[in-house]
Amino acid sequence: MLTLVEFCSSNMLKGTGEVYRTLEEDPEIDVLDYGCLGHCGLCSKAFFVLVEGKIVSATTPEKLLEKIYRRIDKLKVEQEAWFEDLS
């Protein structure tokens, strides 16, 4: 299952463009960019994305990329636990 990571185009112009390009190369991640994600206050102050609809933000693009992968890893663990519960 692909993990959805959504980018704000305005925030990409501020420095998350490289993060977008890095994630775009990952075959397990689906990246999308929108003109606006509706988090303008956050967008003006930090680098951010939505990972499966949840905000992930950081003070630098490099830290953002790290936090995105940590969030994805956490989601995978949660999904595995959920599927185990179904067994």
Protein backbone atom coordinates (compact mmCIF):
# COMPACT_ATOMS: atom_id res chain seq x y z
CA MET A 1 0.00 0.00 0.00
CA LEU A 2 1.39 3.40 -0.99
CA THR A 3 1.76 6.13 1.63
CA LEU A 4 0.29 9.47 0.56
CA VAL A 5 2.40 12.58 1.16
CA GLU A 6 0.81 15.90 0.19
CA PHE A 7 2.74 19.11 -0.44
CA CYS A 8 1.66 22.74 -0.59
CA SER A 9 3.08 24.43 -3.70
CA SER A 10 3.76 27.63 -1.75
CA ASN A 11 5.72 25.69 0.85
CA MET A 12 7.64 23.90 -1.91
CA LEU A 13 8.80 27.29 -3.19
CA LYS A 14 10.19 27.96 0.29
CA GLY A 15 12.37 24.87 0.26
CA THR A 16 10.48 21.59 0.35
CA GLY A 17 10.91 21.02 -3.38
CA GLU A 18 13.98 18.82 -2.84
CA VAL A 19 12.06 16.77 -0.27
CA TYR A 20 9.30 16.32 -2.86
CA ARG A 21 11.79 15.12 -5.48
CA THR A 22 13.42 12.69 -3.03
CA LEU A 23 10.08 11.17 -2.01
CA GLU A 24 8.91 11.04 -5.62
CA GLU A 25 11.70 8.55 -6.32
CA ASP A 26 10.48 6.20 -3.56
CA PRO A 27 8.19 3.56 -5.14
CA GLU A 28 6.28 3.10 -1.85
CA ILE A 29 5.27 6.76 -1.59
CA ASP A 30 2.64 8.62 -3.60
CA VAL A 31 3.42 12.36 -3.61
CA LEU A 32 0.98 15.05 -4.64
CA ASP A 33 1.23 18.82 -4.65
CA TYR A 34 -1.61 21.28 -4.32
CA GLY A 35 -1.75 25.04 -4.69
CA CYS A 36 -2.75 25.27 -1.03
CA LEU A 37 -3.41 22.78 1.76
CA GLY A 38 -5.20 25.35 3.93
CA HIS A 39 -2.53 25.59 6.64
CA CYS A 40 -1.29 29.08 5.75
CA GLY A 41 -0.20 30.02 9.27
CA LEU A 42 2.00 26.93 9.49
CA CYS A 43 3.16 27.31 5.89
CA SER A 44 4.47 30.82 6.60
CA LYS A 45 6.51 29.61 9.60
CA ALA A 46 7.77 26.09 8.87
CA PHE A 47 8.36 23.39 6.30
CA PHE A 48 5.44 20.96 6.30
CA VAL A 49 3.56 18.20 4.50
CA LEU A 50 0.58 16.00 5.17
CA VAL A 51 1.38 12.30 5.60
CA GLU A 52 -1.85 10.33 5.26
CA GLY A 53 -3.70 13.51 6.25
CA LYS A 54 -1.61 14.27 9.36
CA ILE A 55 0.65 17.32 9.58
CA VAL A 56 4.40 16.71 9.73
CA SER A 57 6.50 19.87 10.13
CA ALA A 58 10.11 20.82 10.78
CA THR A 59 12.47 23.77 10.84
CA THR A 60 14.57 22.58 7.88
CA PRO A 61 13.86 20.51 4.77
CA GLU A 62 16.38 17.90 5.94
CA LYS A 63 14.63 17.48 9.28
CA LEU A 64 11.29 17.36 7.48
CA LEU A 65 12.46 14.45 5.34
CA GLU A 66 13.63 12.58 8.46
CA LYS A 67 10.32 13.20 10.22
CA ILE A 68 8.34 12.08 7.16
CA TYR A 69 10.17 8.75 7.08
CA ARG A 70 9.71 8.32 10.85
CA ARG A 71 5.96 8.95 10.44
CA ILE A 72 5.78 6.46 7.57
CA ASP A 73 7.61 3.84 9.65
CA LYS A 74 5.18 4.43 12.52
CA LEU A 75 2.21 4.02 10.17
CA LYS A 76 3.61 0.74 8.86
CA VAL A 77 3.96 -0.63 12.41
CA GLU A 78 0.39 0.45 13.21
CA GLN A 79 -0.90 -1.20 10.02
CA GLU A 80 0.94 -4.44 10.76
CA ALA A 81 -0.50 -4.52 14.29
CA TRP A 82 -3.99 -3.88 12.92
CA PHE A 83 -3.69 -6.74 10.42
CA GLU A 84 -2.34 -9.05 13.13
CA ASP A 85 -5.40 -8.27 15.24
CA LEU A 86 -7.62 -9.37 12.36
CA SER A 87 -5.91 -12.77 12.19
